[in-house]
Amino acid sequence: MRKFCIAISFFLVLNHLSAQSSHYAITLEGAPTFSYLKFKSSIFSIVDKPIWRYYGGMTLYYALGERYGIVSGVGYERKGGTSPMEMVNENGDFLGTGDYRIQLDYISVPMLFRKILGAKNAFFVDMGGSWGCLIKQEESLLFQNIYRVARNNNLIINDFSVLLGVGMRFPLWKNWSLPITLRSQHSIFTLAPEPNPFKVNVRNNTAQLAIGLTYQFH
C-alpha cells in the first residue's frame, strides 16, 4: 500500500512535466519544519512538545490567469513530536527523566490555489490542501545515555490536511527566481485507526519556512 502511494505521487509529477509550456513554473525547495502532534487523550497527553524536522520537494505552478493559478507537486516531510518522560522501576521508584520522540515520515502531494499580489508580482498567497502518505513511523527514547528505537505501524497511512502559505519571490536572472514561503499545515482527520476504543484523537501540526529555486518556462 505504501509503495502504491509513492507511485501515485510520482505519477502526478510526471503528468505535469509532460505538458510543459509558458504556463508552467517548477520549483525545487527545502525547509526546516516546526512540528508537533496534537493529542486529545488522557493516555498520550504528555506528547505535546514541538520538534524541529525538515522538508524537501518539488512543486509545479500552472497559471490559470495573469495573477492566479494552481500549485501541486511532491515532497518528503519529516514530522513528529517530543516530550520528557518520567521513568520508574517495577516498584514505582523515580529513576529520572527520559527524552521520548515520535517521528513520522511522509510523501506529500499538495493541491493549492495561488493568488499573486503586488505591482511586480512579487508576493503570493497559497490556499488548499495536502495529502500525506505515511512511509515510516518511529518512536525513540533516550534515557541515561541509552538510545532505544522502535518501528510501529499504529497510525493510519493517509493524512489529509489544510494548508495556508504566504510568500515572496525574488528575481535572479532570466527565467530564474528565488521564492521564500511561510506555510502552516494542519491535519483534518485523526490519525488514530479504527477501532478506537480509547477515543484517541491525534493530528499533525506543522509550520515551514521554505526556500526554493524557481524556473519559469517560456
N, C-alpha and C. Protein backbone atom coordinates (compact mmCIF):
# COMPACT_ATOMS: atom_id res chain seq x y z
N MET A 1 0.82 -1.20 0.00
CA MET A 1 0.00 0.00 0.00
C MET A 1 0.86 1.26 0.00
N ARG A 2 1.93 1.27 0.78
CA ARG A 2 2.78 2.45 0.85
C ARG A 2 3.55 2.66 -0.45
N LYS A 3 3.99 1.57 -1.11
CA LYS A 3 4.65 1.69 -2.40
C LYS A 3 3.68 2.25 -3.43
N PHE A 4 2.41 1.86 -3.32
CA PHE A 4 1.39 2.37 -4.22
C PHE A 4 1.21 3.87 -4.04
N CYS A 5 1.23 4.35 -2.80
CA CYS A 5 1.10 5.78 -2.52
C CYS A 5 2.25 6.57 -3.16
N ILE A 6 3.47 6.03 -3.04
CA ILE A 6 4.64 6.70 -3.61
C ILE A 6 4.53 6.74 -5.13
N ALA A 7 4.10 5.64 -5.73
CA ALA A 7 3.97 5.57 -7.18
C ALA A 7 2.96 6.60 -7.69
N ILE A 8 1.84 6.76 -6.98
CA ILE A 8 0.83 7.75 -7.37
C ILE A 8 1.41 9.16 -7.29
N SER A 9 2.22 9.43 -6.26
CA SER A 9 2.81 10.76 -6.09
C SER A 9 3.69 11.11 -7.28
N PHE A 10 4.58 10.21 -7.69
CA PHE A 10 5.46 10.48 -8.80
C PHE A 10 4.71 10.54 -10.13
N PHE A 11 3.64 9.79 -10.24
CA PHE A 11 2.83 9.85 -11.46
C PHE A 11 2.24 11.24 -11.66
N LEU A 12 1.77 11.86 -10.57
CA LEU A 12 1.21 13.19 -10.66
C LEU A 12 2.25 14.20 -11.15
N VAL A 13 3.49 14.06 -10.65
CA VAL A 13 4.56 14.97 -11.07
C VAL A 13 4.89 14.78 -12.53
N LEU A 14 5.04 13.53 -12.97
CA LEU A 14 5.37 13.25 -14.37
C LEU A 14 4.27 13.73 -15.30
N ASN A 15 3.04 13.64 -14.86
CA ASN A 15 1.93 14.09 -15.67
C ASN A 15 1.99 15.59 -15.91
N HIS A 16 2.41 16.34 -14.86
CA HIS A 16 2.59 17.79 -15.03
C HIS A 16 3.74 18.08 -15.99
N LEU A 17 4.85 17.38 -15.82
CA LEU A 17 6.03 17.66 -16.63
C LEU A 17 5.79 17.39 -18.11
N SER A 18 4.90 16.46 -18.41
CA SER A 18 4.65 16.11 -19.80
C SER A 18 3.96 17.22 -20.57
N ALA A 19 3.43 18.23 -19.87
CA ALA A 19 2.69 19.30 -20.53
C ALA A 19 3.35 20.66 -20.30
N GLN A 20 4.66 20.73 -20.29
CA GLN A 20 5.38 21.98 -20.03
C GLN A 20 5.05 23.01 -21.11
N SER A 21 4.80 24.23 -20.65
CA SER A 21 4.54 25.34 -21.57
C SER A 21 4.85 26.62 -20.82
N SER A 22 4.50 27.75 -21.45
CA SER A 22 4.76 29.03 -20.81
C SER A 22 3.89 29.23 -19.57
N HIS A 23 2.89 28.39 -19.38
CA HIS A 23 2.04 28.49 -18.21
C HIS A 23 2.68 27.85 -16.97
N TYR A 24 3.79 27.17 -17.13
CA TYR A 24 4.35 26.36 -16.06
C TYR A 24 5.59 27.00 -15.43
N ALA A 25 5.73 26.75 -14.12
CA ALA A 25 6.97 27.07 -13.41
C ALA A 25 7.26 25.92 -12.47
N ILE A 26 8.51 25.54 -12.36
CA ILE A 26 8.90 24.43 -11.50
C ILE A 26 9.82 24.96 -10.41
N THR A 27 9.63 24.48 -9.18
CA THR A 27 10.40 24.96 -8.04
C THR A 27 10.95 23.78 -7.25
N LEU A 28 12.23 23.82 -6.95
CA LEU A 28 12.87 22.89 -6.02
C LEU A 28 13.07 23.65 -4.72
N GLU A 29 12.67 23.04 -3.59
CA GLU A 29 12.74 23.78 -2.34
C GLU A 29 13.01 22.87 -1.16
N GLY A 30 13.49 23.47 -0.09
CA GLY A 30 13.70 22.77 1.17
C GLY A 30 13.32 23.69 2.31
N ALA A 31 13.05 23.09 3.48
CA ALA A 31 12.58 23.90 4.59
C ALA A 31 12.84 23.23 5.92
N PRO A 32 13.18 24.01 6.95
CA PRO A 32 13.08 23.48 8.31
C PRO A 32 11.61 23.42 8.69
N THR A 33 11.22 22.42 9.44
CA THR A 33 9.82 22.22 9.82
C THR A 33 9.68 22.22 11.33
N PHE A 34 8.81 23.08 11.81
CA PHE A 34 8.49 23.16 13.24
C PHE A 34 7.21 22.34 13.43
N SER A 35 7.33 21.17 14.03
CA SER A 35 6.24 20.19 14.02
C SER A 35 5.86 19.77 15.43
N TYR A 36 4.57 19.52 15.63
CA TYR A 36 4.13 18.89 16.87
C TYR A 36 2.87 18.08 16.61
N LEU A 37 2.64 17.09 17.45
CA LEU A 37 1.45 16.25 17.38
C LEU A 37 0.44 16.73 18.41
N LYS A 38 -0.76 16.97 17.96
CA LYS A 38 -1.81 17.41 18.87
C LYS A 38 -2.65 16.20 19.27
N PHE A 39 -2.51 15.79 20.53
CA PHE A 39 -3.24 14.64 21.06
C PHE A 39 -4.43 15.12 21.89
N LYS A 40 -5.53 14.38 21.78
CA LYS A 40 -6.66 14.54 22.69
C LYS A 40 -6.94 13.17 23.29
N SER A 41 -6.21 12.87 24.36
CA SER A 41 -6.34 11.58 25.03
C SER A 41 -5.59 11.66 26.35
N SER A 42 -6.18 11.13 27.40
CA SER A 42 -5.50 11.12 28.70
C SER A 42 -4.28 10.22 28.68
N ILE A 43 -4.25 9.25 27.76
CA ILE A 43 -3.13 8.31 27.69
C ILE A 43 -1.89 8.97 27.09
N PHE A 44 -2.09 9.77 26.02
CA PHE A 44 -0.96 10.34 25.29
C PHE A 44 -0.85 11.85 25.46
N SER A 45 -1.45 12.38 26.47
CA SER A 45 -1.49 13.84 26.60
C SER A 45 -0.11 14.46 26.82
N ILE A 46 0.88 13.66 27.24
CA ILE A 46 2.19 14.24 27.52
C ILE A 46 2.98 14.50 26.24
N VAL A 47 2.63 13.88 25.13
CA VAL A 47 3.40 14.05 23.89
C VAL A 47 2.89 15.30 23.18
N ASP A 48 3.30 16.45 23.67
CA ASP A 48 2.74 17.69 23.17
C ASP A 48 3.79 18.77 22.94
N LYS A 49 5.07 18.41 22.92
CA LYS A 49 6.12 19.40 22.71
C LYS A 49 6.56 19.41 21.24
N PRO A 50 6.80 20.60 20.67
CA PRO A 50 7.20 20.68 19.26
C PRO A 50 8.65 20.23 19.06
N ILE A 51 8.96 19.92 17.80
CA ILE A 51 10.29 19.45 17.45
C ILE A 51 10.65 19.98 16.07
N TRP A 52 11.93 20.27 15.86
CA TRP A 52 12.39 20.73 14.55
C TRP A 52 12.70 19.53 13.66
N ARG A 53 12.13 19.52 12.46
CA ARG A 53 12.41 18.50 11.47
C ARG A 53 12.63 19.18 10.11
N TYR A 54 12.38 18.53 9.00
CA TYR A 54 12.71 19.14 7.70
C TYR A 54 11.78 18.66 6.60
N TYR A 55 11.81 19.38 5.49
CA TYR A 55 11.01 19.10 4.31
C TYR A 55 11.85 19.37 3.07
N GLY A 56 11.65 18.59 2.02
CA GLY A 56 12.27 18.84 0.72
C GLY A 56 11.34 18.36 -0.37
N GLY A 57 11.28 19.09 -1.48
CA GLY A 57 10.38 18.65 -2.53
C GLY A 57 10.43 19.50 -3.77
N MET A 58 9.51 19.22 -4.67
CA MET A 58 9.38 19.92 -5.93
C MET A 58 7.92 20.30 -6.13
N THR A 59 7.67 21.54 -6.54
CA THR A 59 6.31 21.97 -6.84
C THR A 59 6.22 22.46 -8.27
N LEU A 60 5.03 22.38 -8.82
CA LEU A 60 4.75 22.85 -10.17
C LEU A 60 3.60 23.85 -10.12
N TYR A 61 3.81 24.99 -10.74
CA TYR A 61 2.79 26.03 -10.80
C TYR A 61 2.24 26.11 -12.22
N TYR A 62 0.91 26.08 -12.33
CA TYR A 62 0.26 26.23 -13.62
C TYR A 62 -0.63 27.47 -13.57
N ALA A 63 -0.34 28.44 -14.44
CA ALA A 63 -1.08 29.70 -14.44
C ALA A 63 -2.43 29.53 -15.12
N LEU A 64 -3.49 29.95 -14.43
CA LEU A 64 -4.83 29.98 -14.99
C LEU A 64 -5.19 31.36 -15.50
N GLY A 65 -4.41 32.33 -15.09
CA GLY A 65 -4.60 33.71 -15.49
C GLY A 65 -3.33 34.47 -15.19
N GLU A 66 -3.39 35.79 -15.32
CA GLU A 66 -2.19 36.59 -15.09
C GLU A 66 -1.76 36.60 -13.63
N ARG A 67 -2.73 36.50 -12.72
CA ARG A 67 -2.41 36.64 -11.29
C ARG A 67 -2.93 35.49 -10.44
N TYR A 68 -3.26 34.38 -11.02
CA TYR A 68 -3.70 33.24 -10.21
C TYR A 68 -3.42 31.94 -10.95
N GLY A 69 -3.32 30.85 -10.20
CA GLY A 69 -3.04 29.55 -10.77
C GLY A 69 -3.15 28.47 -9.71
N ILE A 70 -2.71 27.27 -10.07
CA ILE A 70 -2.74 26.14 -9.14
C ILE A 70 -1.32 25.62 -8.93
N VAL A 71 -1.09 25.05 -7.76
CA VAL A 71 0.22 24.52 -7.38
C VAL A 71 0.05 23.07 -6.93
N SER A 72 0.89 22.18 -7.47
CA SER A 72 0.93 20.80 -7.00
C SER A 72 2.39 20.34 -7.03
N GLY A 73 2.63 19.07 -6.74
CA GLY A 73 4.00 18.56 -6.74
C GLY A 73 4.13 17.35 -5.84
N VAL A 74 5.33 17.14 -5.35
CA VAL A 74 5.59 16.02 -4.45
C VAL A 74 6.73 16.41 -3.52
N GLY A 75 6.66 15.94 -2.28
CA GLY A 75 7.71 16.27 -1.31
C GLY A 75 7.89 15.18 -0.28
N TYR A 76 8.98 15.30 0.45
CA TYR A 76 9.28 14.39 1.57
C TYR A 76 9.28 15.23 2.83
N GLU A 77 8.46 14.82 3.82
CA GLU A 77 8.34 15.56 5.06
C GLU A 77 8.63 14.65 6.25
N ARG A 78 9.37 15.18 7.20
CA ARG A 78 9.58 14.50 8.47
C ARG A 78 8.91 15.33 9.56
N LYS A 79 7.93 14.71 10.24
CA LYS A 79 7.15 15.38 11.27
C LYS A 79 7.29 14.62 12.58
N GLY A 80 6.59 15.09 13.61
CA GLY A 80 6.62 14.37 14.87
C GLY A 80 6.40 15.25 16.07
N GLY A 81 6.79 14.73 17.21
CA GLY A 81 6.65 15.45 18.47
C GLY A 81 7.58 14.85 19.51
N THR A 82 7.73 15.54 20.61
CA THR A 82 8.63 15.08 21.66
C THR A 82 8.06 15.45 23.03
N SER A 83 8.57 14.80 24.05
CA SER A 83 8.15 15.12 25.42
C SER A 83 9.12 14.47 26.40
N PRO A 84 9.39 15.13 27.53
CA PRO A 84 10.10 14.44 28.61
C PRO A 84 9.22 13.34 29.20
N MET A 85 9.83 12.23 29.58
CA MET A 85 9.08 11.11 30.15
C MET A 85 9.72 10.67 31.45
N GLU A 86 8.94 10.64 32.51
CA GLU A 86 9.44 10.19 33.81
C GLU A 86 9.56 8.66 33.82
N MET A 87 10.73 8.16 34.26
CA MET A 87 10.99 6.73 34.28
C MET A 87 10.95 6.22 35.72
N VAL A 88 10.30 5.10 35.91
CA VAL A 88 10.22 4.47 37.23
C VAL A 88 10.58 2.99 37.11
N ASN A 89 10.98 2.37 38.22
CA ASN A 89 11.25 0.94 38.21
C ASN A 89 9.98 0.15 38.55
N GLU A 90 10.14 -1.17 38.70
CA GLU A 90 8.97 -2.02 38.95
C GLU A 90 8.30 -1.72 40.29
N ASN A 91 9.01 -1.03 41.19
CA ASN A 91 8.44 -0.67 42.49
C ASN A 91 7.81 0.73 42.49
N GLY A 92 7.90 1.40 41.35
CA GLY A 92 7.36 2.75 41.27
C GLY A 92 8.31 3.83 41.71
N ASP A 93 9.59 3.48 41.95
CA ASP A 93 10.58 4.48 42.36
C ASP A 93 11.03 5.30 41.15
N PHE A 94 11.14 6.60 41.35
CA PHE A 94 11.54 7.50 40.27
C PHE A 94 13.01 7.30 39.93
N LEU A 95 13.31 7.10 38.64
CA LEU A 95 14.69 6.87 38.19
C LEU A 95 15.29 8.07 37.47
N GLY A 96 14.45 8.91 36.91
CA GLY A 96 14.95 10.05 36.15
C GLY A 96 13.98 10.38 35.02
N THR A 97 14.43 11.27 34.16
CA THR A 97 13.60 11.73 33.05
C THR A 97 14.26 11.39 31.73
N GLY A 98 13.51 10.78 30.83
CA GLY A 98 13.99 10.44 29.50
C GLY A 98 13.41 11.37 28.44
N ASP A 99 13.98 11.32 27.24
CA ASP A 99 13.52 12.13 26.11
C ASP A 99 12.80 11.20 25.14
N TYR A 100 11.48 11.33 25.06
CA TYR A 100 10.66 10.48 24.21
C TYR A 100 10.28 11.25 22.95
N ARG A 101 10.39 10.58 21.77
CA ARG A 101 10.09 11.23 20.50
C ARG A 101 9.30 10.31 19.58
N ILE A 102 8.40 10.91 18.83
CA ILE A 102 7.70 10.22 17.74
C ILE A 102 8.11 10.89 16.44
N GLN A 103 8.53 10.09 15.47
CA GLN A 103 8.98 10.60 14.18
C GLN A 103 8.13 9.97 13.08
N LEU A 104 7.56 10.83 12.21
CA LEU A 104 6.69 10.38 11.13
C LEU A 104 7.23 10.90 9.80
N ASP A 105 7.48 9.99 8.86
CA ASP A 105 8.00 10.35 7.53
C ASP A 105 6.88 10.20 6.51
N TYR A 106 6.66 11.26 5.72
CA TYR A 106 5.57 11.29 4.75
C TYR A 106 6.08 11.63 3.35
N ILE A 107 5.44 11.03 2.34
CA ILE A 107 5.46 11.55 0.98
C ILE A 107 4.20 12.39 0.84
N SER A 108 4.34 13.64 0.45
CA SER A 108 3.20 14.55 0.44
C SER A 108 2.94 15.10 -0.96
N VAL A 109 1.68 15.33 -1.26
CA VAL A 109 1.24 15.90 -2.54
C VAL A 109 0.28 17.06 -2.24
N PRO A 110 0.70 18.31 -2.44
CA PRO A 110 -0.19 19.44 -2.21
C PRO A 110 -1.08 19.72 -3.43
N MET A 111 -2.20 20.35 -3.19
CA MET A 111 -3.06 20.86 -4.26
C MET A 111 -3.58 22.21 -3.78
N LEU A 112 -3.01 23.28 -4.36
CA LEU A 112 -3.23 24.62 -3.82
C LEU A 112 -3.69 25.59 -4.90
N PHE A 113 -4.43 26.59 -4.48
CA PHE A 113 -4.77 27.73 -5.32
C PHE A 113 -3.84 28.88 -4.94
N ARG A 114 -3.22 29.51 -5.93
CA ARG A 114 -2.29 30.62 -5.67
C ARG A 114 -2.82 31.91 -6.24
N LYS A 115 -2.79 32.95 -5.42
CA LYS A 115 -3.14 34.29 -5.83
C LYS A 115 -1.88 35.16 -5.76
N ILE A 116 -1.54 35.81 -6.87
CA ILE A 116 -0.34 36.64 -6.95
C ILE A 116 -0.71 38.09 -6.68
N LEU A 117 0.09 38.74 -5.82
CA LEU A 117 -0.21 40.09 -5.37
C LEU A 117 0.97 41.01 -5.69
N GLY A 118 0.71 42.32 -5.61
CA GLY A 118 1.79 43.30 -5.75
C GLY A 118 1.97 43.76 -7.19
N ALA A 119 2.50 44.97 -7.33
CA ALA A 119 2.69 45.56 -8.66
C ALA A 119 3.68 44.78 -9.50
N LYS A 120 4.67 44.16 -8.88
CA LYS A 120 5.70 43.42 -9.61
C LYS A 120 5.51 41.91 -9.47
N ASN A 121 4.31 41.47 -9.09
CA ASN A 121 4.02 40.05 -8.91
C ASN A 121 4.99 39.38 -7.93
N ALA A 122 5.41 40.13 -6.92
CA ALA A 122 6.44 39.62 -6.01
C ALA A 122 5.87 38.81 -4.85
N PHE A 123 4.62 39.04 -4.52
CA PHE A 123 4.01 38.37 -3.36
C PHE A 123 2.94 37.39 -3.83
N PHE A 124 2.70 36.36 -3.02
CA PHE A 124 1.65 35.41 -3.36
C PHE A 124 1.09 34.77 -2.10
N VAL A 125 -0.13 34.26 -2.22
CA VAL A 125 -0.82 33.54 -1.15
C VAL A 125 -1.26 32.19 -1.70
N ASP A 126 -0.99 31.12 -0.95
CA ASP A 126 -1.41 29.77 -1.31
C ASP A 126 -2.47 29.28 -0.33
N MET A 127 -3.52 28.67 -0.86
CA MET A 127 -4.59 28.10 -0.03
C MET A 127 -5.04 26.78 -0.63
N GLY A 128 -5.26 25.78 0.23
CA GLY A 128 -5.73 24.50 -0.27
C GLY A 128 -5.48 23.38 0.71
N GLY A 129 -5.13 22.23 0.16
CA GLY A 129 -4.92 21.06 1.00
C GLY A 129 -3.72 20.25 0.56
N SER A 130 -3.44 19.20 1.33
CA SER A 130 -2.31 18.32 1.04
C SER A 130 -2.65 16.91 1.48
N TRP A 131 -2.19 15.95 0.69
CA TRP A 131 -2.34 14.54 1.06
C TRP A 131 -0.96 13.99 1.42
N GLY A 132 -0.86 13.36 2.58
CA GLY A 132 0.39 12.77 3.02
C GLY A 132 0.26 11.26 3.14
N CYS A 133 1.26 10.54 2.63
CA CYS A 133 1.29 9.08 2.73
C CYS A 133 2.40 8.70 3.72
N LEU A 134 2.03 8.13 4.85
CA LEU A 134 2.98 7.76 5.89
C LEU A 134 3.82 6.57 5.43
N ILE A 135 5.14 6.76 5.33
CA ILE A 135 6.01 5.67 4.89
C ILE A 135 6.85 5.10 6.03
N LYS A 136 6.95 5.82 7.15
CA LYS A 136 7.68 5.29 8.30
C LYS A 136 7.23 5.98 9.58
N GLN A 137 6.99 5.16 10.60
CA GLN A 137 6.68 5.67 11.94
C GLN A 137 7.69 5.09 12.91
N GLU A 138 8.39 5.99 13.63
CA GLU A 138 9.46 5.56 14.52
C GLU A 138 9.31 6.26 15.87
N GLU A 139 9.49 5.50 16.94
CA GLU A 139 9.45 6.06 18.29
C GLU A 139 10.77 5.76 18.99
N SER A 140 11.28 6.73 19.71
CA SER A 140 12.59 6.57 20.35
C SER A 140 12.55 7.10 21.78
N LEU A 141 13.46 6.58 22.59
CA LEU A 141 13.59 7.01 23.99
C LEU A 141 15.07 7.07 24.34
N LEU A 142 15.48 8.23 24.79
CA LEU A 142 16.86 8.43 25.26
C LEU A 142 16.82 8.58 26.77
N PHE A 143 17.47 7.63 27.48
CA PHE A 143 17.47 7.66 28.94
C PHE A 143 18.80 7.11 29.45
N GLN A 144 19.49 7.94 30.26
CA GLN A 144 20.78 7.57 30.85
C GLN A 144 21.76 7.12 29.76
N ASN A 145 21.84 7.92 28.68
CA ASN A 145 22.75 7.69 27.56
C ASN A 145 22.48 6.40 26.80
N ILE A 146 21.32 5.81 27.01
CA ILE A 146 20.90 4.63 26.26
C ILE A 146 19.78 5.04 25.31
N TYR A 147 19.97 4.74 24.03
CA TYR A 147 19.03 5.16 22.99
C TYR A 147 18.29 3.94 22.47
N ARG A 148 16.98 3.94 22.60
CA ARG A 148 16.16 2.82 22.14
C ARG A 148 15.22 3.32 21.04
N VAL A 149 15.13 2.52 19.96
CA VAL A 149 14.29 2.88 18.82
C VAL A 149 13.34 1.73 18.52
N ALA A 150 12.10 2.07 18.19
CA ALA A 150 11.11 1.06 17.82
C ALA A 150 10.33 1.53 16.61
N ARG A 151 10.11 0.64 15.65
CA ARG A 151 9.27 0.92 14.49
C ARG A 151 7.85 0.47 14.79
N ASN A 152 6.88 1.31 14.48
CA ASN A 152 5.48 0.98 14.72
C ASN A 152 4.64 1.28 13.49
N ASN A 153 3.45 0.70 13.45
CA ASN A 153 2.50 0.95 12.37
C ASN A 153 1.10 1.11 12.95
N ASN A 154 0.99 1.92 14.01
CA ASN A 154 -0.30 2.05 14.68
C ASN A 154 -1.03 3.35 14.35
N LEU A 155 -0.57 4.07 13.32
CA LEU A 155 -1.29 5.23 12.81
C LEU A 155 -1.72 4.96 11.38
N ILE A 156 -2.78 5.62 10.93
CA ILE A 156 -3.25 5.39 9.57
C ILE A 156 -2.28 6.00 8.57
N ILE A 157 -2.27 5.44 7.36
CA ILE A 157 -1.31 5.86 6.34
C ILE A 157 -1.64 7.24 5.78
N ASN A 158 -2.91 7.50 5.51
CA ASN A 158 -3.30 8.74 4.83
C ASN A 158 -3.52 9.88 5.82
N ASP A 159 -2.92 11.02 5.51
CA ASP A 159 -3.10 12.23 6.32
C ASP A 159 -3.53 13.36 5.39
N PHE A 160 -4.78 13.76 5.50
CA PHE A 160 -5.31 14.88 4.71
C PHE A 160 -5.28 16.13 5.57
N SER A 161 -4.74 17.21 5.01
CA SER A 161 -4.55 18.42 5.80
C SER A 161 -4.92 19.66 5.01
N VAL A 162 -5.23 20.72 5.74
CA VAL A 162 -5.42 22.04 5.13
C VAL A 162 -4.08 22.78 5.19
N LEU A 163 -3.84 23.64 4.20
CA LEU A 163 -2.55 24.31 4.10
C LEU A 163 -2.76 25.75 3.69
N LEU A 164 -2.06 26.65 4.36
CA LEU A 164 -2.08 28.07 4.04
C LEU A 164 -0.64 28.57 3.99
N GLY A 165 -0.31 29.31 2.94
CA GLY A 165 1.05 29.82 2.81
C GLY A 165 1.07 31.24 2.27
N VAL A 166 2.08 31.99 2.68
CA VAL A 166 2.34 33.32 2.14
C VAL A 166 3.80 33.37 1.74
N GLY A 167 4.08 34.03 0.61
CA GLY A 167 5.46 34.03 0.14
C GLY A 167 5.83 35.27 -0.64
N MET A 168 7.12 35.34 -0.92
CA MET A 168 7.69 36.44 -1.70
C MET A 168 8.71 35.88 -2.67
N ARG A 169 8.68 36.38 -3.89
CA ARG A 169 9.57 35.90 -4.94
C ARG A 169 10.60 36.98 -5.28
N PHE A 170 11.90 36.58 -5.31
CA PHE A 170 12.99 37.49 -5.64
C PHE A 170 13.56 37.11 -7.01
N PRO A 171 13.46 37.96 -8.02
CA PRO A 171 14.02 37.65 -9.34
C PRO A 171 15.54 37.51 -9.27
N LEU A 172 16.08 36.55 -10.04
CA LEU A 172 17.52 36.34 -10.11
C LEU A 172 18.04 36.74 -11.48
N TRP A 173 17.84 35.87 -12.50
CA TRP A 173 18.26 36.18 -13.86
C TRP A 173 17.37 35.42 -14.83
N LYS A 174 17.12 36.02 -15.96
CA LYS A 174 16.27 35.42 -17.00
C LYS A 174 15.01 34.80 -16.42
N ASN A 175 14.91 33.47 -16.52
CA ASN A 175 13.70 32.77 -16.08
C ASN A 175 13.77 32.29 -14.64
N TRP A 176 14.81 32.66 -13.91
CA TRP A 176 15.03 32.12 -12.57
C TRP A 176 14.62 33.11 -11.49
N SER A 177 14.12 32.58 -10.37
CA SER A 177 13.77 33.41 -9.22
C SER A 177 13.94 32.60 -7.94
N LEU A 178 13.95 33.31 -6.82
CA LEU A 178 14.13 32.69 -5.50
C LEU A 178 12.89 32.97 -4.65
N PRO A 179 12.01 31.98 -4.43
CA PRO A 179 10.85 32.19 -3.58
C PRO A 179 11.13 31.80 -2.13
N ILE A 180 10.57 32.55 -1.21
CA ILE A 180 10.61 32.22 0.22
C ILE A 180 9.16 32.16 0.70
N THR A 181 8.77 31.02 1.28
CA THR A 181 7.37 30.79 1.62
C THR A 181 7.23 30.31 3.06
N LEU A 182 6.31 30.93 3.77
CA LEU A 182 5.96 30.50 5.13
C LEU A 182 4.63 29.77 5.05
N ARG A 183 4.59 28.51 5.52
CA ARG A 183 3.39 27.69 5.42
C ARG A 183 2.95 27.19 6.80
N SER A 184 1.64 27.01 6.92
CA SER A 184 1.05 26.39 8.10
C SER A 184 0.15 25.25 7.62
N GLN A 185 0.32 24.06 8.23
CA GLN A 185 -0.37 22.87 7.76
C GLN A 185 -0.94 22.10 8.95
N HIS A 186 -2.21 21.67 8.84
CA HIS A 186 -2.89 21.01 9.96
C HIS A 186 -3.74 19.86 9.46
N SER A 187 -3.64 18.72 10.11
CA SER A 187 -4.44 17.55 9.75
C SER A 187 -5.93 17.84 9.92
N ILE A 188 -6.74 17.30 8.99
CA ILE A 188 -8.19 17.46 9.06
C ILE A 188 -8.81 16.37 9.93
N PHE A 189 -8.32 15.13 9.75
CA PHE A 189 -8.88 13.99 10.46
C PHE A 189 -7.86 13.40 11.42
N THR A 190 -8.34 12.66 12.39
CA THR A 190 -7.44 12.00 13.33
C THR A 190 -6.61 10.93 12.62
N LEU A 191 -5.40 10.72 13.10
CA LEU A 191 -4.50 9.71 12.55
C LEU A 191 -4.67 8.37 13.26
N ALA A 192 -5.50 8.33 14.28
CA ALA A 192 -5.73 7.09 15.02
C ALA A 192 -6.60 6.14 14.19
N PRO A 193 -6.23 4.86 14.10
CA PRO A 193 -7.00 3.92 13.28
C PRO A 193 -8.27 3.46 14.01
N GLU A 194 -9.15 2.88 13.23
CA GLU A 194 -10.36 2.26 13.78
C GLU A 194 -10.13 0.75 13.92
N PRO A 195 -10.67 0.10 14.94
CA PRO A 195 -11.47 0.68 16.03
C PRO A 195 -10.62 1.49 16.99
N ASN A 196 -11.24 2.45 17.64
CA ASN A 196 -10.55 3.39 18.51
C ASN A 196 -11.25 3.44 19.87
N PRO A 197 -11.11 2.40 20.70
CA PRO A 197 -11.88 2.30 21.94
C PRO A 197 -11.56 3.39 22.95
N PHE A 198 -10.33 3.95 22.91
CA PHE A 198 -9.96 4.98 23.88
C PHE A 198 -10.22 6.40 23.34
N LYS A 199 -10.83 6.49 22.14
CA LYS A 199 -11.19 7.78 21.55
C LYS A 199 -9.97 8.70 21.42
N VAL A 200 -8.86 8.12 20.98
CA VAL A 200 -7.64 8.91 20.78
C VAL A 200 -7.80 9.78 19.54
N ASN A 201 -7.48 11.04 19.65
CA ASN A 201 -7.51 11.98 18.53
C ASN A 201 -6.12 12.60 18.41
N VAL A 202 -5.41 12.27 17.33
CA VAL A 202 -4.06 12.79 17.14
C VAL A 202 -3.95 13.36 15.73
N ARG A 203 -3.37 14.55 15.64
CA ARG A 203 -3.25 15.23 14.35
C ARG A 203 -1.88 15.91 14.23
N ASN A 204 -1.39 15.97 13.00
CA ASN A 204 -0.14 16.67 12.71
C ASN A 204 -0.40 18.17 12.61
N ASN A 205 0.53 18.94 13.14
CA ASN A 205 0.53 20.39 13.00
C ASN A 205 1.95 20.83 12.69
N THR A 206 2.15 21.53 11.58
CA THR A 206 3.50 21.92 11.18
C THR A 206 3.52 23.34 10.65
N ALA A 207 4.69 23.95 10.75
CA ALA A 207 4.97 25.23 10.13
C ALA A 207 6.30 25.10 9.40
N GLN A 208 6.38 25.66 8.18
CA GLN A 208 7.59 25.55 7.36
C GLN A 208 8.01 26.94 6.89
N LEU A 209 9.32 27.12 6.77
CA LEU A 209 9.87 28.30 6.10
C LEU A 209 10.70 27.77 4.94
N ALA A 210 10.07 27.71 3.76
CA ALA A 210 10.70 27.06 2.60
C ALA A 210 11.44 28.07 1.74
N ILE A 211 12.65 27.70 1.32
CA ILE A 211 13.44 28.49 0.39
C ILE A 211 13.66 27.65 -0.86
N GLY A 212 13.37 28.21 -2.02
CA GLY A 212 13.44 27.43 -3.25
C GLY A 212 14.16 28.12 -4.38
N LEU A 213 14.19 27.43 -5.51
CA LEU A 213 14.74 27.96 -6.76
C LEU A 213 13.74 27.62 -7.85
N THR A 214 13.21 28.65 -8.51
CA THR A 214 12.12 28.50 -9.49
C THR A 214 12.61 28.79 -10.89
N TYR A 215 12.16 27.94 -11.83
CA TYR A 215 12.41 28.18 -13.26
C TYR A 215 11.05 28.33 -13.96
N GLN A 216 10.87 29.45 -14.66
CA GLN A 216 9.64 29.73 -15.39
C GLN A 216 9.82 29.36 -16.85
N PHE A 217 9.00 28.43 -17.36
CA PHE A 217 9.10 28.02 -18.76
C PHE A 217 8.54 29.10 -19.69
N HIS A 218 9.20 29.27 -20.83
CA HIS A 218 8.76 30.22 -21.85
C HIS A 218 8.82 29.56 -23.21
